[in-house]
Amino acid sequence: MRVGHGLSTANTWAQCLLVLITTDLYWNSAWQKLRSYQFRSGLYLAQWIHVFTQVRDQLPDRRQYAVPGLVRRHAGNLTGRDVRLWRAVAATAITAEIALPPALLFPQTMPYAAAAGIAMHAAFTCLKPRQLITFSGLTAGSYLAFAA
């Protein structure tokens, strides 16, 4: 190892900071979800989809939401089955947020982790596009820092 004194085109510090910020965002989000019984139980997501299904025609910007009709029809009620389904979705989201940053660090798992992250953010954006489109785009774009 030696310290070089020449100019470099590598942007190592920026890449390291972007990786740390992305990891911090995912792990803090997972921590908040883990602490929320309502989210972990699936009740939050079940209630959100149920209410959205009931009032979507009354929303001023209803065309911006992209919740598929299949989801609204088959998981848009508050039955025990729906809540169990959303509990599994909540557990999957928490697990993905914990596992994604380490998986992005290894070249063997990076393409799969990036695809999973992009799919996860696409699903998030279907729920709340106005609030999440910029965040999801920037987060998915930060995956390039892991690859560099």
C-alpha atoms as a PDB file:
ATOM      1  CA  MET A   1       0.000   0.000   0.000  1.00  0.00           C
ATOM      2  CA  ARG A   2       1.191   3.474  -0.750  1.00  0.00           C
ATOM      3  CA  VAL A   3      -0.260   6.931  -0.986  1.00  0.00           C
ATOM      4  CA  GLY A   4      -0.251   8.347  -4.490  1.00  0.00           C
ATOM      5  CA  HIS A   5       0.151  12.046  -5.037  1.00  0.00           C
ATOM      6  CA  GLY A   6      -1.056  12.185  -8.626  1.00  0.00           C
ATOM      7  CA  LEU A   7      -4.433  13.208  -9.940  1.00  0.00           C
ATOM      8  CA  SER A   8      -7.145  10.589 -10.101  1.00  0.00           C
ATOM      9  CA  THR A   9     -10.420  10.400 -11.968  1.00  0.00           C
ATOM     10  CA  ALA A  10     -11.847   8.022  -9.356  1.00  0.00           C
ATOM     11  CA  ASN A  11     -14.583   9.479  -7.214  1.00  0.00           C
ATOM     12  CA  THR A  12     -14.116   7.016  -4.365  1.00  0.00           C
ATOM     13  CA  TRP A  13     -15.238   9.259  -1.505  1.00  0.00           C
ATOM     14  CA  ALA A  14     -18.441  10.269  -3.252  1.00  0.00           C
ATOM     15  CA  GLN A  15     -19.136   6.629  -4.042  1.00  0.00           C
ATOM     16  CA  CYS A  16     -18.520   5.619  -0.406  1.00  0.00           C
ATOM     17  CA  LEU A  17     -20.801   8.376   0.866  1.00  0.00           C
ATOM     18  CA  LEU A  18     -23.564   7.402  -1.558  1.00  0.00           C
ATOM     19  CA  VAL A  19     -23.316   3.761  -0.476  1.00  0.00           C
ATOM     20  CA  LEU A  20     -23.477   4.820   3.202  1.00  0.00           C
ATOM     21  CA  ILE A  21     -26.453   7.109   2.617  1.00  0.00           C
ATOM     22  CA  THR A  22     -28.355   4.432   0.684  1.00  0.00           C
ATOM     23  CA  THR A  23     -27.634   1.877   3.418  1.00  0.00           C
ATOM     24  CA  ASP A  24     -28.710   4.338   6.103  1.00  0.00           C
ATOM     25  CA  LEU A  25     -31.976   5.094   4.283  1.00  0.00           C
ATOM     26  CA  TYR A  26     -32.881   1.436   3.862  1.00  0.00           C
ATOM     27  CA  TRP A  27     -31.899   0.348   7.355  1.00  0.00           C
ATOM     28  CA  ASN A  28     -33.634   3.296   9.043  1.00  0.00           C
ATOM     29  CA  SER A  29     -36.763   2.610   7.034  1.00  0.00           C
ATOM     30  CA  ALA A  30     -36.647  -1.055   8.040  1.00  0.00           C
ATOM     31  CA  TRP A  31     -36.110  -0.060  11.686  1.00  0.00           C
ATOM     32  CA  GLN A  32     -39.164   2.230  11.642  1.00  0.00           C
ATOM     33  CA  LYS A  33     -41.268  -0.506  10.050  1.00  0.00           C
ATOM     34  CA  LEU A  34     -40.026  -3.078  12.559  1.00  0.00           C
ATOM     35  CA  ARG A  35     -41.050  -0.776  15.413  1.00  0.00           C
ATOM     36  CA  SER A  36     -44.548  -0.256  13.982  1.00  0.00           C
ATOM     37  CA  TYR A  37     -46.928  -3.036  15.034  1.00  0.00           C
ATOM     38  CA  GLN A  38     -49.570  -1.741  12.620  1.00  0.00           C
ATOM     39  CA  PHE A  39     -47.170  -2.023   9.671  1.00  0.00           C
ATOM     40  CA  ARG A  40     -45.749  -5.422  10.726  1.00  0.00           C
ATOM     41  CA  SER A  41     -49.243  -6.837  11.237  1.00  0.00           C
ATOM     42  CA  GLY A  42     -50.219  -5.950   7.664  1.00  0.00           C
ATOM     43  CA  LEU A  43     -53.082  -3.818   8.936  1.00  0.00           C
ATOM     44  CA  TYR A  44     -51.605  -0.526   7.711  1.00  0.00           C
ATOM     45  CA  LEU A  45     -51.272  -1.723   4.119  1.00  0.00           C
ATOM     46  CA  ALA A  46     -54.640  -3.506   4.184  1.00  0.00           C
ATOM     47  CA  GLN A  47     -56.343  -0.352   5.474  1.00  0.00           C
ATOM     48  CA  TRP A  48     -54.552   1.849   2.941  1.00  0.00           C
ATOM     49  CA  ILE A  49     -55.612  -0.290  -0.015  1.00  0.00           C
ATOM     50  CA  HIS A  50     -59.144  -0.701   1.366  1.00  0.00           C
ATOM     51  CA  VAL A  51     -59.668   3.042   1.831  1.00  0.00           C
ATOM     52  CA  PHE A  52     -58.061   3.785  -1.536  1.00  0.00           C
ATOM     53  CA  THR A  53     -60.431   1.298  -3.199  1.00  0.00           C
ATOM     54  CA  GLN A  54     -63.417   2.970  -1.540  1.00  0.00           C
ATOM     55  CA  VAL A  55     -62.520   6.617  -2.310  1.00  0.00           C
ATOM     56  CA  ARG A  56     -60.346   6.489  -5.434  1.00  0.00           C
ATOM     57  CA  ASP A  57     -63.077   7.895  -7.681  1.00  0.00           C
ATOM     58  CA  GLN A  58     -63.347  10.922  -5.400  1.00  0.00           C
ATOM     59  CA  LEU A  59     -59.625  11.735  -5.439  1.00  0.00           C
ATOM     60  CA  PRO A  60     -58.736  14.835  -7.466  1.00  0.00           C
ATOM     61  CA  ASP A  61     -55.627  13.242  -9.008  1.00  0.00           C
ATOM     62  CA  ARG A  62     -56.868   9.656  -9.170  1.00  0.00           C
ATOM     63  CA  ARG A  63     -55.115   8.947 -12.486  1.00  0.00           C
ATOM     64  CA  GLN A  64     -51.742   9.313 -10.790  1.00  0.00           C
ATOM     65  CA  TYR A  65     -52.247   6.163  -8.726  1.00  0.00           C
ATOM     66  CA  ALA A  66     -51.282   2.906 -10.345  1.00  0.00           C
ATOM     67  CA  VAL A  67     -52.632   0.336  -7.894  1.00  0.00           C
ATOM     68  CA  PRO A  68     -53.624  -2.522 -10.210  1.00  0.00           C
ATOM     69  CA  GLY A  69     -57.275  -3.554 -10.308  1.00  0.00           C
ATOM     70  CA  LEU A  70     -56.225  -7.110  -9.493  1.00  0.00           C
ATOM     71  CA  VAL A  71     -54.764  -5.890  -6.183  1.00  0.00           C
ATOM     72  CA  ARG A  72     -57.845  -3.800  -5.397  1.00  0.00           C
ATOM     73  CA  ARG A  73     -60.217  -6.679  -6.168  1.00  0.00           C
ATOM     74  CA  HIS A  74     -58.328  -9.478  -4.421  1.00  0.00           C
ATOM     75  CA  ALA A  75     -56.629  -7.655  -1.539  1.00  0.00           C
ATOM     76  CA  GLY A  76     -58.690  -4.492  -1.131  1.00  0.00           C
ATOM     77  CA  ASN A  77     -60.874  -5.630   1.741  1.00  0.00           C
ATOM     78  CA  LEU A  78     -60.166  -6.015   5.420  1.00  0.00           C
ATOM     79  CA  THR A  79     -60.767  -9.736   5.641  1.00  0.00           C
ATOM     80  CA  GLY A  80     -58.414 -11.912   7.656  1.00  0.00           C
ATOM     81  CA  ARG A  81     -56.993 -13.316   4.425  1.00  0.00           C
ATOM     82  CA  ASP A  82     -56.243  -9.813   3.111  1.00  0.00           C
ATOM     83  CA  VAL A  83     -54.527  -8.756   6.327  1.00  0.00           C
ATOM     84  CA  ARG A  84     -52.425 -11.957   6.286  1.00  0.00           C
ATOM     85  CA  LEU A  85     -51.458 -11.257   2.676  1.00  0.00           C
ATOM     86  CA  TRP A  86     -50.423  -7.694   3.534  1.00  0.00           C
ATOM     87  CA  ARG A  87     -48.527  -9.014   6.583  1.00  0.00           C
ATOM     88  CA  ALA A  88     -46.462 -11.138   4.192  1.00  0.00           C
ATOM     89  CA  VAL A  89     -45.926  -8.093   1.943  1.00  0.00           C
ATOM     90  CA  ALA A  90     -44.832  -6.037   4.971  1.00  0.00           C
ATOM     91  CA  ALA A  91     -42.400  -8.753   6.090  1.00  0.00           C
ATOM     92  CA  THR A  92     -41.010  -8.963   2.548  1.00  0.00           C
ATOM     93  CA  ALA A  93     -40.499  -5.183   2.394  1.00  0.00           C
ATOM     94  CA  ILE A  94     -38.701  -5.143   5.761  1.00  0.00           C
ATOM     95  CA  THR A  95     -36.506  -8.098   4.785  1.00  0.00           C
ATOM     96  CA  ALA A  96     -35.672  -6.524   1.427  1.00  0.00           C
ATOM     97  CA  GLU A  97     -34.720  -3.221   3.061  1.00  0.00           C
ATOM     98  CA  ILE A  98     -32.370  -5.015   5.443  1.00  0.00           C
ATOM     99  CA  ALA A  99     -30.826  -7.356   2.865  1.00  0.00           C
ATOM    100  CA  LEU A 100     -30.590  -5.031  -0.121  1.00  0.00           C
ATOM    101  CA  PRO A 101     -27.576  -2.849   0.850  1.00  0.00           C
ATOM    102  CA  PRO A 102     -25.246  -5.779   1.660  1.00  0.00           C
ATOM    103  CA  ALA A 103     -26.433  -7.637  -1.448  1.00  0.00           C
ATOM    104  CA  LEU A 104     -25.591  -4.592  -3.573  1.00  0.00           C
ATOM    105  CA  LEU A 105     -21.973  -4.721  -2.376  1.00  0.00           C
ATOM    106  CA  PHE A 106     -21.121  -8.098  -3.893  1.00  0.00           C
ATOM    107  CA  PRO A 107     -20.724  -8.406  -7.672  1.00  0.00           C
ATOM    108  CA  GLN A 108     -22.414 -11.845  -7.684  1.00  0.00           C
ATOM    109  CA  THR A 109     -25.622 -10.597  -6.041  1.00  0.00           C
ATOM    110  CA  MET A 110     -25.618  -6.983  -7.229  1.00  0.00           C
ATOM    111  CA  PRO A 111     -27.693  -7.452 -10.426  1.00  0.00           C
ATOM    112  CA  TYR A 112     -30.371  -9.405  -8.531  1.00  0.00           C
ATOM    113  CA  ALA A 113     -30.410  -6.916  -5.659  1.00  0.00           C
ATOM    114  CA  ALA A 114     -30.704  -4.000  -8.079  1.00  0.00           C
ATOM    115  CA  ALA A 115     -33.597  -5.700  -9.894  1.00  0.00           C
ATOM    116  CA  ALA A 116     -35.320  -6.431  -6.570  1.00  0.00           C
ATOM    117  CA  GLY A 117     -34.783  -2.852  -5.416  1.00  0.00           C
ATOM    118  CA  ILE A 118     -36.160  -1.406  -8.649  1.00  0.00           C
ATOM    119  CA  ALA A 119     -39.211  -3.694  -8.411  1.00  0.00           C
ATOM    120  CA  MET A 120     -39.726  -2.722  -4.771  1.00  0.00           C
ATOM    121  CA  HIS A 121     -39.550   0.988  -5.574  1.00  0.00           C
ATOM    122  CA  ALA A 122     -41.911   0.545  -8.527  1.00  0.00           C
ATOM    123  CA  ALA A 123     -44.432  -1.038  -6.132  1.00  0.00           C
ATOM    124  CA  PHE A 124     -43.936   1.801  -3.625  1.00  0.00           C
ATOM    125  CA  THR A 125     -44.496   4.340  -6.385  1.00  0.00           C
ATOM    126  CA  CYS A 126     -47.796   2.673  -7.328  1.00  0.00           C
ATOM    127  CA  LEU A 127     -49.057   3.371  -3.808  1.00  0.00           C
ATOM    128  CA  LYS A 128     -48.014   7.024  -3.514  1.00  0.00           C
ATOM    129  CA  PRO A 129     -46.532   8.278  -6.772  1.00  0.00           C
ATOM    130  CA  ARG A 130     -46.370  11.998  -6.018  1.00  0.00           C
ATOM    131  CA  GLN A 131     -44.563  11.516  -2.749  1.00  0.00           C
ATOM    132  CA  LEU A 132     -42.254   8.732  -3.880  1.00  0.00           C
ATOM    133  CA  ILE A 133     -41.398   9.151  -7.557  1.00  0.00           C
ATOM    134  CA  THR A 134     -38.348  11.336  -6.909  1.00  0.00           C
ATOM    135  CA  PHE A 135     -37.200   9.287  -3.913  1.00  0.00           C
ATOM    136  CA  SER A 136     -37.611   5.992  -5.746  1.00  0.00           C
ATOM    137  CA  GLY A 137     -35.814   7.298  -8.818  1.00  0.00           C
ATOM    138  CA  LEU A 138     -32.879   8.644  -6.827  1.00  0.00           C
ATOM    139  CA  THR A 139     -32.584   5.518  -4.701  1.00  0.00           C
ATOM    140  CA  ALA A 140     -32.676   3.203  -7.708  1.00  0.00           C
ATOM    141  CA  GLY A 141     -30.133   5.480  -9.398  1.00  0.00           C
ATOM    142  CA  SER A 142     -27.827   5.179  -6.395  1.00  0.00           C
ATOM    143  CA  TYR A 143     -27.418   1.481  -7.226  1.00  0.00           C
ATOM    144  CA  LEU A 144     -24.929   2.585  -9.868  1.00  0.00           C
ATOM    145  CA  ALA A 145     -22.596   3.670  -7.062  1.00  0.00           C
ATOM    146  CA  PHE A 146     -22.579   0.121  -5.756  1.00  0.00           C
ATOM    147  CA  ALA A 147     -21.640  -1.183  -9.200  1.00  0.00           C
ATOM    148  CA  ALA A 148     -18.822   1.295  -9.830  1.00  0.00           C
END
